Amino acid sequence: MKTLKVGIVGCGGIANSKHMPAIKRNGNYEMVAFCDLKKERAEKAKEEFGTEDARVYTDYQELVKEELDAVYVLTPNNAHAPVAIAAMKAGKHVMCEKPMAKTYAEAQEMVRVAKETGKLLTIGYQNRYRADSQYLHKACDNGDLGEIYYAKAHAIRRRAVPTWGVFLDAEAQGGGPLIDIGTHALDLTLWMMNNYEPESVTGSTYRKLADQKDTGNAWGDWDPEIFTVEDSAFGFIKMKNGATIHLEAAWALNSLEVDEAKTSLCGTKAGADMKDGLRINRVQYGKQCIEKPGLDAAGVAFFDADADKPEDTEQKIFYEAIVEGKPLTVLPEQAMVVTQILEAIYESANTGKTVYFD
């Protein structure tokens, strides 16, 4: 098996918790270059995940000059586009963490450069690789749900505001829970519907709980002084074929309906949701029924038929796309539409008007 040499740009939380461990487990990659604005983080990543002679940088422009097969862009959102574009122009394939970009214009430029350079570009929407997501996508592709004309994209936390890094910084991230976790829910929903043609978006964002004390937050009280993004956001999306999507996203909301990276779908033949595991509802033989696929191990305590974690599958697919020419699961054109819709929700919330697309 060919070994791919890769560089890591951004050695913070998502790099350490998701990408670098999965790359290491894959066994067909070598991490030979690391870059972070904080040199000590890049050095720590090298010690834990890199080859003995791996190089460390604080400037991504220097890293992309290396002889690398691919670059992983794991930075705050505002750096996704410039780093990815520089890497592709330097002849490297790119895995970019979600969301694709801070703005739709940046996402469009990333797609343009990918086409211009012929380099692969994919986005880290790993929830597509979960067992429930894979099963539901096959059902949708097979037409089991019929025409999917109404959907909900769920990304609701009761009290789980990330208090580290730059998550609360509007300038670095472009927003709060909508762009952070709402992006996963919307990606899943559009992918299941196979519908990437929005007609209009109406949205609302709220910063209602961010100034409260004694928050009960999962990661400790947040600092209201640096909480410059929304704490919840909601969007109503109308697609060109008449389908509608309701998107809900919150880090902090007084709600017991807590769901994250999930979708609910309503079709002409059946519906589906991920509320209590994957459930598919339909009428069969004149009776209402619910199907719950067995997605766990096949009844054997010591055997897990779906042992691969979503992030491991993500790395496998990226590797096979580069080395064997197999298709990517997450296409940049799809991720670009997610960013387009998220940006429109923020715009609608700011102006109080519906945003219409050409």
Protein backbone atom coordinates (compact mmCIF):
# COMPACT_ATOMS: atom_id res chain seq x y z
CA MET A 1 0.00 0.00 0.00
CA LYS A 2 1.27 3.45 -0.87
CA THR A 3 2.02 5.67 2.10
CA LEU A 4 0.75 9.23 1.82
CA LYS A 5 2.75 12.08 3.29
CA VAL A 6 0.49 14.69 4.85
CA GLY A 7 0.78 18.03 6.60
CA ILE A 8 -1.44 19.28 9.41
CA VAL A 9 -2.38 22.97 9.60
CA GLY A 10 -4.01 23.73 12.94
CA CYS A 11 -3.03 21.51 15.87
CA GLY A 12 -5.84 22.35 18.27
CA GLY A 13 -8.90 20.51 19.56
CA ILE A 14 -10.35 19.01 16.38
CA ALA A 15 -6.91 17.91 15.19
CA ASN A 16 -6.13 16.13 18.46
CA SER A 17 -9.56 14.66 19.14
CA LYS A 18 -10.54 13.55 15.63
CA HIS A 19 -8.17 13.81 12.69
CA MET A 20 -4.68 12.98 13.91
CA PRO A 21 -5.71 9.89 15.92
CA ALA A 22 -7.74 8.61 12.93
CA ILE A 23 -4.88 9.29 10.50
CA LYS A 24 -2.52 7.36 12.79
CA ARG A 25 -4.94 4.43 13.15
CA ASN A 26 -5.30 4.21 9.37
CA GLY A 27 -1.69 3.19 8.97
CA ASN A 28 -1.32 4.38 5.37
CA TYR A 29 -0.41 7.96 6.19
CA GLU A 30 2.69 9.65 7.56
CA MET A 31 2.30 13.01 9.27
CA VAL A 32 5.51 14.76 8.24
CA ALA A 33 4.70 18.45 8.79
CA PHE A 34 2.77 20.39 11.42
CA CYS A 35 1.78 24.04 11.54
CA ASP A 36 0.14 26.13 14.22
CA LEU A 37 0.30 29.79 15.21
CA LYS A 38 1.36 28.49 18.62
CA LYS A 39 4.59 26.65 17.89
CA GLU A 40 4.41 24.59 21.06
CA ARG A 41 1.13 23.00 19.88
CA ALA A 42 2.71 22.00 16.57
CA GLU A 43 5.71 20.58 18.41
CA LYS A 44 3.46 18.60 20.74
CA ALA A 45 1.54 17.20 17.74
CA LYS A 46 4.81 16.17 16.11
CA GLU A 47 5.93 14.34 19.25
CA GLU A 48 2.65 12.45 19.55
CA PHE A 49 1.70 11.80 15.93
CA GLY A 50 4.55 12.74 13.61
CA THR A 51 7.48 10.97 12.04
CA GLU A 52 10.85 11.40 13.71
CA ASP A 53 11.99 13.94 11.11
CA ALA A 54 8.66 15.81 10.84
CA ARG A 55 8.97 19.58 10.42
CA VAL A 56 7.24 22.23 12.50
CA TYR A 57 6.00 25.59 11.21
CA THR A 58 4.06 28.63 12.35
CA ASP A 59 3.37 29.80 8.75
CA TYR A 60 1.18 27.59 6.56
CA GLN A 61 2.69 29.15 3.44
CA GLU A 62 5.94 27.41 4.34
CA LEU A 63 4.28 24.08 5.08
CA VAL A 64 2.53 23.89 1.69
CA LYS A 65 5.93 24.11 -0.02
CA GLU A 66 6.81 20.70 1.40
CA GLU A 67 6.66 17.50 -0.67
CA LEU A 68 3.25 16.39 0.56
CA ASP A 69 0.39 14.40 -0.92
CA ALA A 70 -2.27 16.16 1.13
CA VAL A 71 -2.86 18.93 3.63
CA TYR A 72 -5.39 18.83 6.48
CA VAL A 73 -6.93 22.22 7.23
CA LEU A 74 -7.98 22.10 10.90
CA THR A 75 -7.94 25.79 11.78
CA PRO A 76 -10.63 28.23 12.94
CA ASN A 77 -13.21 28.86 10.22
CA ASN A 78 -11.75 32.14 8.97
CA ALA A 79 -8.57 30.36 7.84
CA HIS A 80 -10.19 27.43 6.03
CA ALA A 81 -10.35 29.08 2.61
CA PRO A 82 -6.91 30.75 2.48
CA VAL A 83 -5.08 27.65 3.73
CA ALA A 84 -7.00 25.22 1.51
CA ILE A 85 -6.54 27.40 -1.56
CA ALA A 86 -2.80 27.80 -0.93
CA ALA A 87 -2.43 24.04 -0.48
CA MET A 88 -4.28 23.18 -3.69
CA LYS A 89 -2.32 25.77 -5.66
CA ALA A 90 0.83 24.13 -4.28
CA GLY A 91 -0.32 20.79 -5.72
CA LYS A 92 -1.76 19.17 -2.61
CA HIS A 93 -5.07 17.43 -2.05
CA VAL A 94 -7.08 18.89 0.85
CA MET A 95 -9.17 17.59 3.70
CA CYS A 96 -10.80 20.65 5.31
CA GLU A 97 -12.67 20.54 8.59
CA LYS A 98 -16.29 21.70 8.61
CA PRO A 99 -17.77 24.13 7.82
CA MET A 100 -16.20 24.50 4.40
CA ALA A 101 -15.63 28.21 4.85
CA LYS A 102 -16.68 31.24 6.83
CA THR A 103 -18.47 32.73 3.80
CA TYR A 104 -20.14 31.50 0.64
CA ALA A 105 -17.79 33.55 -1.53
CA GLU A 106 -14.81 31.79 0.05
CA ALA A 107 -16.44 28.40 -0.51
CA GLN A 108 -17.04 29.25 -4.17
CA GLU A 109 -13.39 30.17 -4.58
CA MET A 110 -12.31 26.90 -2.99
CA VAL A 111 -14.42 24.96 -5.50
CA ARG A 112 -13.04 27.03 -8.37
CA VAL A 113 -9.44 26.38 -7.34
CA ALA A 114 -10.10 22.66 -6.87
CA LYS A 115 -11.39 22.46 -10.45
CA GLU A 116 -8.57 24.63 -11.77
CA THR A 117 -5.82 22.59 -10.10
CA GLY A 118 -7.43 19.16 -10.40
CA LYS A 119 -6.78 18.54 -6.71
CA LEU A 120 -9.22 16.67 -4.47
CA LEU A 121 -11.08 18.74 -1.90
CA THR A 122 -13.36 17.25 0.72
CA ILE A 123 -14.94 18.53 3.93
CA GLY A 124 -15.04 16.88 7.36
CA TYR A 125 -18.72 15.96 7.63
CA GLN A 126 -17.98 12.66 9.37
CA ASN A 127 -21.57 12.15 10.54
CA ARG A 128 -22.35 10.84 7.07
CA TYR A 129 -20.33 7.74 7.96
CA ARG A 130 -22.35 6.72 11.02
CA ALA A 131 -24.23 3.43 10.68
CA ASP A 132 -27.64 5.11 10.98
CA SER A 133 -26.73 7.74 8.39
CA GLN A 134 -25.44 5.15 5.94
CA TYR A 135 -28.55 2.99 6.30
CA LEU A 136 -30.93 5.93 5.90
CA HIS A 137 -29.03 7.25 2.88
CA LYS A 138 -29.35 3.87 1.16
CA ALA A 139 -33.09 3.90 1.89
CA CYS A 140 -33.44 7.40 0.47
CA ASP A 141 -31.36 6.54 -2.61
CA ASN A 142 -33.54 3.49 -3.17
CA GLY A 143 -36.67 5.64 -3.11
CA ASP A 144 -38.06 3.95 0.00
CA LEU A 145 -39.30 7.29 1.38
CA GLY A 146 -40.63 8.50 -1.95
CA GLU A 147 -40.44 12.25 -2.58
CA ILE A 148 -38.99 13.91 0.52
CA TYR A 149 -40.81 17.22 0.73
CA TYR A 150 -40.39 18.22 4.38
CA ALA A 151 -37.42 17.79 6.71
CA LYS A 152 -35.99 18.97 10.00
CA ALA A 153 -32.29 19.39 10.72
CA HIS A 154 -31.61 19.03 14.44
CA ALA A 155 -28.63 20.50 16.32
CA ILE A 156 -29.96 21.33 19.78
CA ARG A 157 -27.98 21.27 23.03
CA ARG A 158 -29.58 22.23 26.32
CA ARG A 159 -26.40 23.60 27.94
CA ALA A 160 -23.22 22.67 26.08
CA VAL A 161 -21.46 25.85 25.03
CA PRO A 162 -17.83 25.21 24.03
CA THR A 163 -15.76 27.49 26.27
CA TRP A 164 -12.32 26.81 24.80
CA GLY A 165 -10.51 28.00 21.69
CA VAL A 166 -12.25 30.62 19.56
CA PHE A 167 -15.76 29.13 19.44
CA LEU A 168 -17.28 32.26 21.01
CA ASP A 169 -15.40 34.64 18.68
CA ALA A 170 -17.60 35.89 15.84
CA GLU A 171 -14.66 37.21 13.82
CA ALA A 172 -12.72 33.93 13.87
CA GLN A 173 -15.66 31.58 13.49
CA GLY A 174 -18.31 33.54 11.61
CA GLY A 175 -21.02 32.57 14.09
CA GLY A 176 -21.96 30.26 16.93
CA PRO A 177 -23.99 27.03 17.07
CA LEU A 178 -25.47 27.52 13.60
CA ILE A 179 -22.10 27.40 11.84
CA ASP A 180 -20.61 24.99 14.38
CA ILE A 181 -23.14 22.17 14.85
CA GLY A 182 -26.04 23.32 12.67
CA THR A 183 -23.75 22.71 9.71
CA HIS A 184 -23.63 18.96 10.46
CA ALA A 185 -27.41 18.65 10.74
CA LEU A 186 -28.00 20.60 7.53
CA ASP A 187 -25.38 18.58 5.66
CA LEU A 188 -27.04 15.31 6.70
CA THR A 189 -30.47 16.58 5.68
CA LEU A 190 -29.48 17.86 2.25
CA TRP A 191 -27.51 14.66 1.60
CA MET A 192 -30.49 12.45 2.44
CA MET A 193 -32.79 14.54 0.26
CA ASN A 194 -30.17 14.79 -2.50
CA ASN A 195 -31.38 18.35 -2.91
CA TYR A 196 -28.87 21.19 -3.26
CA GLU A 197 -31.02 23.87 -4.90
CA PRO A 198 -32.31 26.38 -2.32
CA GLU A 199 -34.79 29.02 -3.41
CA SER A 200 -35.11 31.14 -0.25
CA VAL A 201 -34.13 31.30 3.40
CA THR A 202 -35.72 33.01 6.39
CA GLY A 203 -33.79 32.95 9.64
CA SER A 204 -33.64 34.13 13.23
CA THR A 205 -30.70 34.16 15.61
CA TYR A 206 -30.79 34.81 19.35
CA ARG A 207 -28.36 35.80 22.07
CA LYS A 208 -30.71 35.38 25.01
CA LEU A 209 -28.83 33.24 27.53
CA ALA A 210 -25.24 34.33 26.92
CA ASP A 211 -25.22 36.93 29.73
CA GLN A 212 -26.52 34.58 32.41
CA LYS A 213 -24.48 33.33 35.38
CA ASP A 214 -24.48 29.89 37.04
CA THR A 215 -25.21 28.44 33.66
CA GLY A 216 -25.14 24.71 34.32
CA ASN A 217 -22.99 24.42 31.22
CA ALA A 218 -21.40 21.05 30.48
CA TRP A 219 -17.93 22.61 30.25
CA GLY A 220 -18.26 25.17 33.01
CA ASP A 221 -19.64 28.71 32.96
CA TRP A 222 -18.92 30.71 29.85
CA ASP A 223 -17.59 34.26 29.88
CA PRO A 224 -20.31 36.67 28.66
CA GLU A 225 -17.66 39.26 27.77
CA ILE A 226 -16.22 37.09 24.98
CA PHE A 227 -19.51 35.44 23.96
CA THR A 228 -19.93 37.45 20.75
CA VAL A 229 -21.97 34.92 18.76
CA GLU A 230 -25.56 33.68 18.92
CA ASP A 231 -26.59 31.05 21.45
CA SER A 232 -29.35 29.70 19.18
CA ALA A 233 -30.49 30.02 15.59
CA PHE A 234 -33.37 28.82 13.45
CA GLY A 235 -33.94 28.76 9.72
CA PHE A 236 -36.77 28.03 7.31
CA ILE A 237 -35.42 26.91 3.96
CA LYS A 238 -37.49 26.54 0.82
CA MET A 239 -36.00 24.53 -2.01
CA LYS A 240 -36.62 25.14 -5.70
CA ASN A 241 -38.65 21.94 -6.03
CA GLY A 242 -41.01 23.14 -3.27
CA ALA A 243 -39.53 21.08 -0.43
CA THR A 244 -39.01 22.81 2.91
CA ILE A 245 -36.45 22.32 5.67
CA HIS A 246 -36.60 23.57 9.25
CA LEU A 247 -33.11 23.96 10.76
CA GLU A 248 -32.64 24.35 14.52
CA ALA A 249 -29.29 24.93 16.20
CA ALA A 250 -28.43 25.87 19.78
CA TRP A 251 -25.61 25.55 22.29
CA ALA A 252 -27.88 26.75 25.09
CA LEU A 253 -31.65 26.50 25.00
CA ASN A 254 -34.29 25.83 27.65
CA SER A 255 -35.49 22.69 25.95
CA LEU A 256 -35.62 19.00 26.82
CA GLU A 257 -35.76 18.15 23.12
CA VAL A 258 -32.02 17.68 22.71
CA ASP A 259 -30.75 16.28 19.42
CA GLU A 260 -27.49 16.88 17.58
CA ALA A 261 -26.34 15.92 14.08
CA LYS A 262 -29.70 14.36 13.33
CA THR A 263 -32.36 14.67 10.67
CA SER A 264 -36.09 13.97 10.34
CA LEU A 265 -37.55 13.33 6.90
CA CYS A 266 -41.10 13.20 5.58
CA GLY A 267 -41.70 11.58 2.20
CA THR A 268 -44.66 10.45 0.14
CA LYS A 269 -44.03 6.76 0.88
CA ALA A 270 -42.49 6.87 4.36
CA GLY A 271 -40.81 9.05 6.94
CA ALA A 272 -37.70 8.70 9.06
CA ASP A 273 -36.05 10.20 12.11
CA MET A 274 -33.07 9.63 14.38
CA LYS A 275 -34.85 10.48 17.63
CA ASP A 276 -34.70 7.04 19.27
CA GLY A 277 -32.16 5.37 17.08
CA LEU A 278 -33.07 5.27 13.42
CA ARG A 279 -36.82 4.87 12.90
CA ILE A 280 -38.59 4.55 9.57
CA ASN A 281 -42.36 5.02 9.69
CA ARG A 282 -44.81 3.94 7.01
CA VAL A 283 -48.23 2.43 6.43
CA GLN A 284 -48.04 -1.26 5.56
CA TYR A 285 -50.94 -3.67 4.95
CA GLY A 286 -53.29 -0.91 6.05
CA LYS A 287 -51.58 -0.39 9.40
CA GLN A 288 -49.17 2.23 10.72
CA CYS A 289 -45.82 0.65 11.50
CA ILE A 290 -42.32 1.63 12.60
CA GLU A 291 -39.16 -0.08 11.40
CA LYS A 292 -36.06 0.08 13.63
CA PRO A 293 -33.03 -1.38 11.83
CA GLY A 294 -30.58 -3.33 13.97
CA LEU A 295 -27.44 -1.25 13.59
CA ASP A 296 -25.47 -2.63 16.54
CA ALA A 297 -23.29 -5.73 16.60
CA ALA A 298 -24.98 -8.78 15.13
CA GLY A 299 -26.00 -10.33 18.45
CA VAL A 300 -22.47 -11.34 19.43
CA ALA A 301 -21.10 -9.71 22.56
CA PHE A 302 -17.44 -9.70 21.49
CA PHE A 303 -17.96 -8.81 17.82
CA ASP A 304 -18.83 -5.39 16.46
CA ALA A 305 -19.74 -5.58 12.80
CA ASP A 306 -19.50 -1.79 12.51
CA ALA A 307 -16.26 -1.31 14.42
CA ASP A 308 -14.99 1.57 12.31
CA LYS A 309 -15.56 4.98 13.81
CA PRO A 310 -16.95 7.61 11.42
CA GLU A 311 -13.63 9.49 11.50
CA ASP A 312 -11.80 6.29 10.55
CA THR A 313 -14.08 5.75 7.57
CA GLU A 314 -13.49 9.39 6.62
CA GLN A 315 -9.73 8.81 6.43
CA LYS A 316 -10.16 5.55 4.51
CA ILE A 317 -12.32 7.22 1.86
CA PHE A 318 -9.90 10.14 1.49
CA TYR A 319 -6.99 7.73 1.09
CA GLU A 320 -8.79 5.61 -1.51
CA ALA A 321 -9.83 8.71 -3.45
CA ILE A 322 -6.20 9.87 -3.68
CA VAL A 323 -4.51 6.52 -4.30
CA GLU A 324 -7.17 4.51 -6.15
CA GLY A 325 -9.30 7.21 -7.73
CA LYS A 326 -12.42 6.13 -5.88
CA PRO A 327 -15.19 8.73 -5.44
CA LEU A 328 -15.34 11.06 -2.46
CA THR A 329 -18.43 10.89 -0.27
CA VAL A 330 -18.44 14.59 0.65
CA LEU A 331 -18.19 16.71 -2.47
CA PRO A 332 -17.08 20.34 -2.18
CA GLU A 333 -20.02 21.47 -4.30
CA GLN A 334 -22.37 19.98 -1.70
CA ALA A 335 -20.56 21.56 1.24
CA MET A 336 -20.60 24.89 -0.59
CA VAL A 337 -24.43 24.87 -0.59
CA VAL A 338 -24.43 24.20 3.16
CA THR A 339 -22.30 27.32 3.65
CA GLN A 340 -24.54 29.28 1.28
CA ILE A 341 -27.63 28.45 3.35
CA LEU A 342 -25.98 29.11 6.72
CA GLU A 343 -24.78 32.51 5.52
CA ALA A 344 -28.29 33.32 4.29
CA ILE A 345 -29.79 32.47 7.70
CA TYR A 346 -27.40 34.94 9.35
CA GLU A 347 -28.18 37.55 6.68
CA SER A 348 -31.93 37.09 7.09
CA ALA A 349 -31.61 37.34 10.88
CA ASN A 350 -29.65 40.58 10.56
CA THR A 351 -31.93 42.24 8.01
CA GLY A 352 -35.27 40.80 9.06
CA LYS A 353 -35.91 39.86 5.45
CA THR A 354 -36.13 36.64 3.49
CA VAL A 355 -33.06 35.92 1.35
CA TYR A 356 -33.82 34.78 -2.20
CA PHE A 357 -31.37 32.95 -4.45
CA ASP A 358 -31.14 33.23 -8.22
